[in-house]
Structures are given as C-alpha cells and as structure tokens.
Amino acid sequence: MDPFDKLPAEPCLEILIATCSKRTIKQLMQASPVMLRQFVAHKEYINRKLVVTEADLDDDMVQDAIAIILFPPRDDSSYFVPFDNHCLSWSN
C-alpha cells in the first residue's frame, strides 16, 4: 500500500521539493508509484526548484542552469531540430 496514494498531487509535489535532495527524491520514487508519477509529470518544475534551493541564484542563472540540464541529447540523425527548438525556447 502506497502511503501517498490518498494525497492530492500538490502535497506530493511539495514533499518532493521539500526533500532538497535528488537522492531522497530517487528513493521516494523507488518506494512510491505515486511519487514517481508526480516526478515524471513535474520534472522540470522540480529540477528548477532544486537548483534554486541548492544555490542562491538569480533568475537568469536559474534559466541558464535549467537550459543546460534540459539540453537535448545528441542524436546523430536529427540533432539540430531539437537543438534549434531548445535554443529558441531558452532565449525567450
């Protein structure tokens, strides 16, 4: 039985962010399918919150860090389309 099963999504998300630790989040995801679903659904938001929590960064630095974290993997066949899209969304 998953103890997080009866909680709404928002408290689960806040719990993931409040851990302030990627290791703890990983352990929560392994133990709880609910937490895994929440992480997958809100990965970018959680990563952004963790970056801000781990360091005292201004908005531009956070945007740059998130852009680097979410940079598309290099795929030999169609690398430039995701690359261009990523750079365009990052610059906005």
C-alpha atoms as a PDB file:
ATOM      1  CA  MET A   1       0.000   0.000   0.000  1.00  0.00           C
ATOM      2  CA  ASP A   2       1.380   3.363  -1.049  1.00  0.00           C
ATOM      3  CA  PRO A   3       1.003   5.894   1.800  1.00  0.00           C
ATOM      4  CA  PHE A   4       0.941   8.750  -0.722  1.00  0.00           C
ATOM      5  CA  ASP A   5      -1.942   7.221  -2.662  1.00  0.00           C
ATOM      6  CA  LYS A   6      -4.621   9.242  -0.881  1.00  0.00           C
ATOM      7  CA  LEU A   7      -2.819  12.581  -1.012  1.00  0.00           C
ATOM      8  CA  PRO A   8      -3.679  15.129  -3.688  1.00  0.00           C
ATOM      9  CA  ALA A   9      -0.986  15.922  -6.240  1.00  0.00           C
ATOM     10  CA  GLU A  10       0.015  19.268  -4.717  1.00  0.00           C
ATOM     11  CA  PRO A  11       1.195  17.941  -1.326  1.00  0.00           C
ATOM     12  CA  CYS A  12       3.112  15.143  -3.056  1.00  0.00           C
ATOM     13  CA  LEU A  13       4.840  17.698  -5.239  1.00  0.00           C
ATOM     14  CA  GLU A  14       5.670  19.853  -2.222  1.00  0.00           C
ATOM     15  CA  ILE A  15       7.103  16.820  -0.414  1.00  0.00           C
ATOM     16  CA  LEU A  16       9.369  16.072  -3.374  1.00  0.00           C
ATOM     17  CA  ILE A  17      10.607  19.654  -3.453  1.00  0.00           C
ATOM     18  CA  ALA A  18      10.969  19.900   0.327  1.00  0.00           C
ATOM     19  CA  THR A  19      13.408  17.000   0.415  1.00  0.00           C
ATOM     20  CA  CYS A  20      16.012  19.265  -1.247  1.00  0.00           C
ATOM     21  CA  SER A  21      17.890  16.142  -2.254  1.00  0.00           C
ATOM     22  CA  LYS A  22      17.959  14.285  -5.548  1.00  0.00           C
ATOM     23  CA  ARG A  23      18.999  11.158  -3.678  1.00  0.00           C
ATOM     24  CA  THR A  24      15.957  11.317  -1.407  1.00  0.00           C
ATOM     25  CA  ILE A  25      13.688  12.017  -4.365  1.00  0.00           C
ATOM     26  CA  LYS A  26      15.092   8.953  -6.108  1.00  0.00           C
ATOM     27  CA  GLN A  27      14.400   6.852  -3.019  1.00  0.00           C
ATOM     28  CA  LEU A  28      10.845   8.209  -2.803  1.00  0.00           C
ATOM     29  CA  MET A  29      10.262   7.381  -6.462  1.00  0.00           C
ATOM     30  CA  GLN A  30      11.523   3.840  -5.953  1.00  0.00           C
ATOM     31  CA  ALA A  31       9.277   3.350  -2.928  1.00  0.00           C
ATOM     32  CA  SER A  32       6.140   5.051  -4.209  1.00  0.00           C
ATOM     33  CA  PRO A  33       4.474   4.811  -7.620  1.00  0.00           C
ATOM     34  CA  VAL A  34       2.542   7.984  -6.757  1.00  0.00           C
ATOM     35  CA  MET A  35       5.747   9.936  -6.179  1.00  0.00           C
ATOM     36  CA  LEU A  36       7.236   8.523  -9.358  1.00  0.00           C
ATOM     37  CA  ARG A  37       4.219   9.740 -11.343  1.00  0.00           C
ATOM     38  CA  GLN A  38       4.437  13.169  -9.716  1.00  0.00           C
ATOM     39  CA  PHE A  39       8.128  13.443 -10.501  1.00  0.00           C
ATOM     40  CA  VAL A  40       7.661  12.416 -14.124  1.00  0.00           C
ATOM     41  CA  ALA A  41       4.761  14.836 -14.550  1.00  0.00           C
ATOM     42  CA  HIS A  42       6.602  17.781 -12.962  1.00  0.00           C
ATOM     43  CA  LYS A  43      10.268  17.008 -13.578  1.00  0.00           C
ATOM     44  CA  GLU A  44      11.194  20.420 -14.999  1.00  0.00           C
ATOM     45  CA  TYR A  45       9.456  22.285 -12.179  1.00  0.00           C
ATOM     46  CA  ILE A  46      11.072  20.104  -9.502  1.00  0.00           C
ATOM     47  CA  ASN A  47      14.524  20.467 -11.065  1.00  0.00           C
ATOM     48  CA  ARG A  48      14.100  24.235 -11.212  1.00  0.00           C
ATOM     49  CA  LYS A  49      13.101  24.357  -7.540  1.00  0.00           C
ATOM     50  CA  LEU A  50      16.036  22.150  -6.539  1.00  0.00           C
ATOM     51  CA  VAL A  51      18.519  24.333  -8.414  1.00  0.00           C
ATOM     52  CA  VAL A  52      17.174  27.437  -6.700  1.00  0.00           C
ATOM     53  CA  THR A  53      17.221  25.721  -3.307  1.00  0.00           C
ATOM     54  CA  GLU A  54      20.751  24.341  -3.659  1.00  0.00           C
ATOM     55  CA  ALA A  55      22.303  27.652  -4.612  1.00  0.00           C
ATOM     56  CA  ASP A  56      21.460  31.291  -4.303  1.00  0.00           C
ATOM     57  CA  LEU A  57      20.954  32.049  -7.993  1.00  0.00           C
ATOM     58  CA  ASP A  58      19.275  34.946  -9.735  1.00  0.00           C
ATOM     59  CA  ASP A  59      16.594  34.317 -12.372  1.00  0.00           C
ATOM     60  CA  ASP A  60      18.993  34.469 -15.332  1.00  0.00           C
ATOM     61  CA  MET A  61      21.347  31.969 -13.733  1.00  0.00           C
ATOM     62  CA  VAL A  62      18.451  29.625 -12.983  1.00  0.00           C
ATOM     63  CA  GLN A  63      17.258  29.881 -16.584  1.00  0.00           C
ATOM     64  CA  ASP A  64      20.762  29.089 -17.854  1.00  0.00           C
ATOM     65  CA  ALA A  65      21.143  26.144 -15.474  1.00  0.00           C
ATOM     66  CA  ILE A  66      17.777  24.685 -16.459  1.00  0.00           C
ATOM     67  CA  ALA A  67      18.600  25.117 -20.151  1.00  0.00           C
ATOM     68  CA  ILE A  68      21.794  23.145 -19.647  1.00  0.00           C
ATOM     69  CA  ILE A  69      20.073  20.435 -17.596  1.00  0.00           C
ATOM     70  CA  LEU A  70      17.330  20.016 -20.185  1.00  0.00           C
ATOM     71  CA  PHE A  71      19.624  20.241 -23.207  1.00  0.00           C
ATOM     72  CA  PRO A  72      18.541  17.645 -25.769  1.00  0.00           C
ATOM     73  CA  PRO A  73      20.772  14.595 -26.089  1.00  0.00           C
ATOM     74  CA  ARG A  74      22.863  14.368 -29.219  1.00  0.00           C
ATOM     75  CA  ASP A  75      21.217  12.112 -31.728  1.00  0.00           C
ATOM     76  CA  ASP A  76      23.175  11.704 -34.943  1.00  0.00           C
ATOM     77  CA  SER A  77      20.134  11.633 -37.203  1.00  0.00           C
ATOM     78  CA  SER A  78      18.101  14.653 -36.116  1.00  0.00           C
ATOM     79  CA  TYR A  79      20.140  16.589 -33.586  1.00  0.00           C
ATOM     80  CA  PHE A  80      19.732  20.079 -34.997  1.00  0.00           C
ATOM     81  CA  VAL A  81      15.932  20.303 -34.858  1.00  0.00           C
ATOM     82  CA  PRO A  82      15.712  19.719 -31.061  1.00  0.00           C
ATOM     83  CA  PHE A  83      18.843  21.851 -30.624  1.00  0.00           C
ATOM     84  CA  ASP A  84      17.321  24.782 -32.517  1.00  0.00           C
ATOM     85  CA  ASN A  85      13.996  24.446 -30.689  1.00  0.00           C
ATOM     86  CA  HIS A  86      15.769  24.298 -27.338  1.00  0.00           C
ATOM     87  CA  CYS A  87      17.845  27.394 -28.083  1.00  0.00           C
ATOM     88  CA  LEU A  88      14.772  29.294 -29.246  1.00  0.00           C
ATOM     89  CA  SER A  89      12.776  28.439 -26.126  1.00  0.00           C
ATOM     90  CA  TRP A  90      15.765  29.222 -23.903  1.00  0.00           C
ATOM     91  CA  SER A  91      16.224  32.683 -25.376  1.00  0.00           C
ATOM     92  CA  ASN A  92      12.621  33.688 -24.654  1.00  0.00           C
END
